[in-house]
Amino acid sequence: MEFKDCRYLDGSGNEFIIKKTPKITVEYNPVKPLQSSSGIYDGGEYVKKEISELQYNKIISTLRDAIQNRDIYINDRVKGSGMIILQKEDKENIYILEPGSKEIENIEKRLRDTINL
């Protein structure tokens, strides 16, 4: 799975951006109350952190595990679902994961632990 950039959106719309160049980083763009459906939810503070090759590989492995399980794919983005977006040159692959799946739990734990959220 080679790609330029990878994004993951959690069930609340918080976004994680994983980039490999020029440095390996994970960026967390939280939803703010004005953007949330409730008008109250706050995803926390913005974080951008440089990570190691090992941490990057663990994140990619966790995403790959989710992508390989086609049983958890759903057609439309709903509250609580996860969304993986892989950017490959001029092509984007989008995978929407069903709410409550262990794959979502694994991805979010890996990402949050990596940037200490």
C-alpha atoms as a PDB file:
ATOM      1  CA  MET A   1       0.000   0.000   0.000  1.00  0.00           C
ATOM      2  CA  GLU A   2       1.990   2.952  -1.277  1.00  0.00           C
ATOM      3  CA  PHE A   3       0.381   6.354  -1.200  1.00  0.00           C
ATOM      4  CA  LYS A   4       1.212  10.005  -0.958  1.00  0.00           C
ATOM      5  CA  ASP A   5      -0.938  11.004   2.001  1.00  0.00           C
ATOM      6  CA  CYS A   6      -3.406   9.285   4.273  1.00  0.00           C
ATOM      7  CA  ARG A   7      -6.300  10.787   6.199  1.00  0.00           C
ATOM      8  CA  TYR A   8      -8.564   9.232   8.768  1.00  0.00           C
ATOM      9  CA  LEU A   9     -11.793  10.807  10.020  1.00  0.00           C
ATOM     10  CA  ASP A  10     -13.291   9.457  13.209  1.00  0.00           C
ATOM     11  CA  GLY A  11     -16.986   9.134  13.997  1.00  0.00           C
ATOM     12  CA  SER A  12     -17.180  12.748  15.192  1.00  0.00           C
ATOM     13  CA  GLY A  13     -15.397  14.197  12.163  1.00  0.00           C
ATOM     14  CA  ASN A  14     -12.012  14.761  13.825  1.00  0.00           C
ATOM     15  CA  GLU A  15      -9.318  14.363  11.179  1.00  0.00           C
ATOM     16  CA  PHE A  16      -5.914  12.698  11.392  1.00  0.00           C
ATOM     17  CA  ILE A  17      -3.476  13.379   8.543  1.00  0.00           C
ATOM     18  CA  ILE A  18      -0.511  11.041   8.160  1.00  0.00           C
ATOM     19  CA  LYS A  19       2.293  12.230   5.882  1.00  0.00           C
ATOM     20  CA  LYS A  20       5.595  10.610   5.075  1.00  0.00           C
ATOM     21  CA  THR A  21       7.383  13.508   3.376  1.00  0.00           C
ATOM     22  CA  PRO A  22       9.365  15.607   3.958  1.00  0.00           C
ATOM     23  CA  LYS A  23       9.178  14.334   7.557  1.00  0.00           C
ATOM     24  CA  ILE A  24       6.898  11.633   8.940  1.00  0.00           C
ATOM     25  CA  THR A  25       4.099  13.435  10.771  1.00  0.00           C
ATOM     26  CA  VAL A  26       0.658  12.913  12.218  1.00  0.00           C
ATOM     27  CA  GLU A  27      -1.607  15.932  12.347  1.00  0.00           C
ATOM     28  CA  TYR A  28      -4.834  16.069  14.364  1.00  0.00           C
ATOM     29  CA  ASN A  29      -7.517  18.540  13.247  1.00  0.00           C
ATOM     30  CA  PRO A  30     -10.289  18.459  15.835  1.00  0.00           C
ATOM     31  CA  VAL A  31     -13.884  19.430  15.244  1.00  0.00           C
ATOM     32  CA  LYS A  32     -14.812  22.678  16.981  1.00  0.00           C
ATOM     33  CA  PRO A  33     -18.293  23.449  18.388  1.00  0.00           C
ATOM     34  CA  LEU A  34     -19.280  25.614  15.409  1.00  0.00           C
ATOM     35  CA  GLN A  35     -18.526  22.704  13.037  1.00  0.00           C
ATOM     36  CA  SER A  36     -20.216  20.014  15.119  1.00  0.00           C
ATOM     37  CA  SER A  37     -23.761  18.815  14.496  1.00  0.00           C
ATOM     38  CA  SER A  38     -24.674  19.525  18.127  1.00  0.00           C
ATOM     39  CA  GLY A  39     -23.001  22.923  18.225  1.00  0.00           C
ATOM     40  CA  ILE A  40     -21.424  21.837  21.511  1.00  0.00           C
ATOM     41  CA  TYR A  41     -18.946  19.034  20.755  1.00  0.00           C
ATOM     42  CA  ASP A  42     -15.272  20.026  20.887  1.00  0.00           C
ATOM     43  CA  GLY A  43     -12.650  17.543  19.659  1.00  0.00           C
ATOM     44  CA  GLY A  44      -9.874  19.206  21.636  1.00  0.00           C
ATOM     45  CA  GLU A  45      -6.695  20.919  20.569  1.00  0.00           C
ATOM     46  CA  TYR A  46      -4.870  20.817  17.240  1.00  0.00           C
ATOM     47  CA  VAL A  47      -1.702  18.679  17.315  1.00  0.00           C
ATOM     48  CA  LYS A  48       1.038  18.094  14.762  1.00  0.00           C
ATOM     49  CA  LYS A  49       3.776  15.686  15.750  1.00  0.00           C
ATOM     50  CA  GLU A  50       6.783  14.183  14.028  1.00  0.00           C
ATOM     51  CA  ILE A  51       6.804  10.410  14.487  1.00  0.00           C
ATOM     52  CA  SER A  52       9.269   7.575  13.929  1.00  0.00           C
ATOM     53  CA  GLU A  53       9.326   5.172  10.989  1.00  0.00           C
ATOM     54  CA  LEU A  54       8.252   2.401  13.400  1.00  0.00           C
ATOM     55  CA  GLN A  55       5.229   4.412  14.598  1.00  0.00           C
ATOM     56  CA  TYR A  56       4.334   5.207  10.980  1.00  0.00           C
ATOM     57  CA  ASN A  57       4.553   1.525  10.003  1.00  0.00           C
ATOM     58  CA  LYS A  58       2.310   0.530  12.918  1.00  0.00           C
ATOM     59  CA  ILE A  59      -0.317   3.090  11.861  1.00  0.00           C
ATOM     60  CA  ILE A  60      -0.193   1.895   8.243  1.00  0.00           C
ATOM     61  CA  SER A  61      -0.456  -1.730   9.356  1.00  0.00           C
ATOM     62  CA  THR A  62      -3.550  -0.913  11.443  1.00  0.00           C
ATOM     63  CA  LEU A  63      -5.145   0.919   8.499  1.00  0.00           C
ATOM     64  CA  ARG A  64      -4.250  -1.942   6.155  1.00  0.00           C
ATOM     65  CA  ASP A  65      -5.958  -4.446   8.498  1.00  0.00           C
ATOM     66  CA  ALA A  66      -9.160  -2.378   8.361  1.00  0.00           C
ATOM     67  CA  ILE A  67      -9.047  -1.975   4.575  1.00  0.00           C
ATOM     68  CA  GLN A  68      -8.613  -5.723   4.102  1.00  0.00           C
ATOM     69  CA  ASN A  69     -11.812  -6.494   6.039  1.00  0.00           C
ATOM     70  CA  ARG A  70     -14.451  -5.747   3.396  1.00  0.00           C
ATOM     71  CA  ASP A  71     -17.204  -6.975   5.754  1.00  0.00           C
ATOM     72  CA  ILE A  72     -17.055  -3.666   7.666  1.00  0.00           C
ATOM     73  CA  TYR A  73     -17.417  -1.384   4.622  1.00  0.00           C
ATOM     74  CA  ILE A  74     -20.546   0.736   4.398  1.00  0.00           C
ATOM     75  CA  ASN A  75     -21.719   2.927   1.519  1.00  0.00           C
ATOM     76  CA  ASP A  76     -22.507   6.193   3.277  1.00  0.00           C
ATOM     77  CA  ARG A  77     -20.763   8.170   5.993  1.00  0.00           C
ATOM     78  CA  VAL A  78     -22.911   8.129   9.136  1.00  0.00           C
ATOM     79  CA  LYS A  79     -22.288   9.345  12.665  1.00  0.00           C
ATOM     80  CA  GLY A  80     -19.866   6.988  14.392  1.00  0.00           C
ATOM     81  CA  SER A  81     -18.375   5.626  11.161  1.00  0.00           C
ATOM     82  CA  GLY A  82     -14.699   5.884  10.331  1.00  0.00           C
ATOM     83  CA  MET A  83     -13.313   7.000   7.001  1.00  0.00           C
ATOM     84  CA  ILE A  84      -9.896   6.247   5.527  1.00  0.00           C
ATOM     85  CA  ILE A  85      -8.777   8.358   2.563  1.00  0.00           C
ATOM     86  CA  LEU A  86      -5.644   7.301   0.685  1.00  0.00           C
ATOM     87  CA  GLN A  87      -4.166   9.740  -1.819  1.00  0.00           C
ATOM     88  CA  LYS A  88      -2.194   8.033  -4.596  1.00  0.00           C
ATOM     89  CA  GLU A  89      -0.772  10.546  -7.064  1.00  0.00           C
ATOM     90  CA  ASP A  90      -3.942  11.840  -8.749  1.00  0.00           C
ATOM     91  CA  LYS A  91      -6.291   9.175  -7.372  1.00  0.00           C
ATOM     92  CA  GLU A  92      -8.113   9.000  -4.058  1.00  0.00           C
ATOM     93  CA  ASN A  93      -9.363   5.765  -2.480  1.00  0.00           C
ATOM     94  CA  ILE A  94     -12.034   6.124   0.209  1.00  0.00           C
ATOM     95  CA  TYR A  95     -13.056   3.423   2.666  1.00  0.00           C
ATOM     96  CA  ILE A  96     -16.003   3.999   5.029  1.00  0.00           C
ATOM     97  CA  LEU A  97     -16.028   1.687   8.050  1.00  0.00           C
ATOM     98  CA  GLU A  98     -19.124   0.711   9.996  1.00  0.00           C
ATOM     99  CA  PRO A  99     -19.656   2.257  13.437  1.00  0.00           C
ATOM    100  CA  GLY A 100     -18.652   0.100  16.385  1.00  0.00           C
ATOM    101  CA  SER A 101     -16.201  -2.092  14.461  1.00  0.00           C
ATOM    102  CA  LYS A 102     -13.053  -3.275  16.236  1.00  0.00           C
ATOM    103  CA  GLU A 103     -11.052  -1.894  13.318  1.00  0.00           C
ATOM    104  CA  ILE A 104     -12.239   1.650  14.094  1.00  0.00           C
ATOM    105  CA  GLU A 105     -11.363   1.111  17.739  1.00  0.00           C
ATOM    106  CA  ASN A 106      -7.876  -0.147  16.790  1.00  0.00           C
ATOM    107  CA  ILE A 107      -7.196   2.725  14.363  1.00  0.00           C
ATOM    108  CA  GLU A 108      -8.310   5.403  16.795  1.00  0.00           C
ATOM    109  CA  LYS A 109      -6.386   3.915  19.707  1.00  0.00           C
ATOM    110  CA  ARG A 110      -3.224   3.669  17.594  1.00  0.00           C
ATOM    111  CA  LEU A 111      -3.536   7.261  16.335  1.00  0.00           C
ATOM    112  CA  ARG A 112      -4.430   8.765  19.721  1.00  0.00           C
ATOM    113  CA  ASP A 113      -1.652   6.851  21.509  1.00  0.00           C
ATOM    114  CA  THR A 114       0.867   7.956  18.869  1.00  0.00           C
ATOM    115  CA  ILE A 115       0.183  11.643  19.413  1.00  0.00           C
ATOM    116  CA  ASN A 116      -0.712  11.360  23.122  1.00  0.00           C
ATOM    117  CA  LEU A 117      -4.354  12.458  22.908  1.00  0.00           C
END
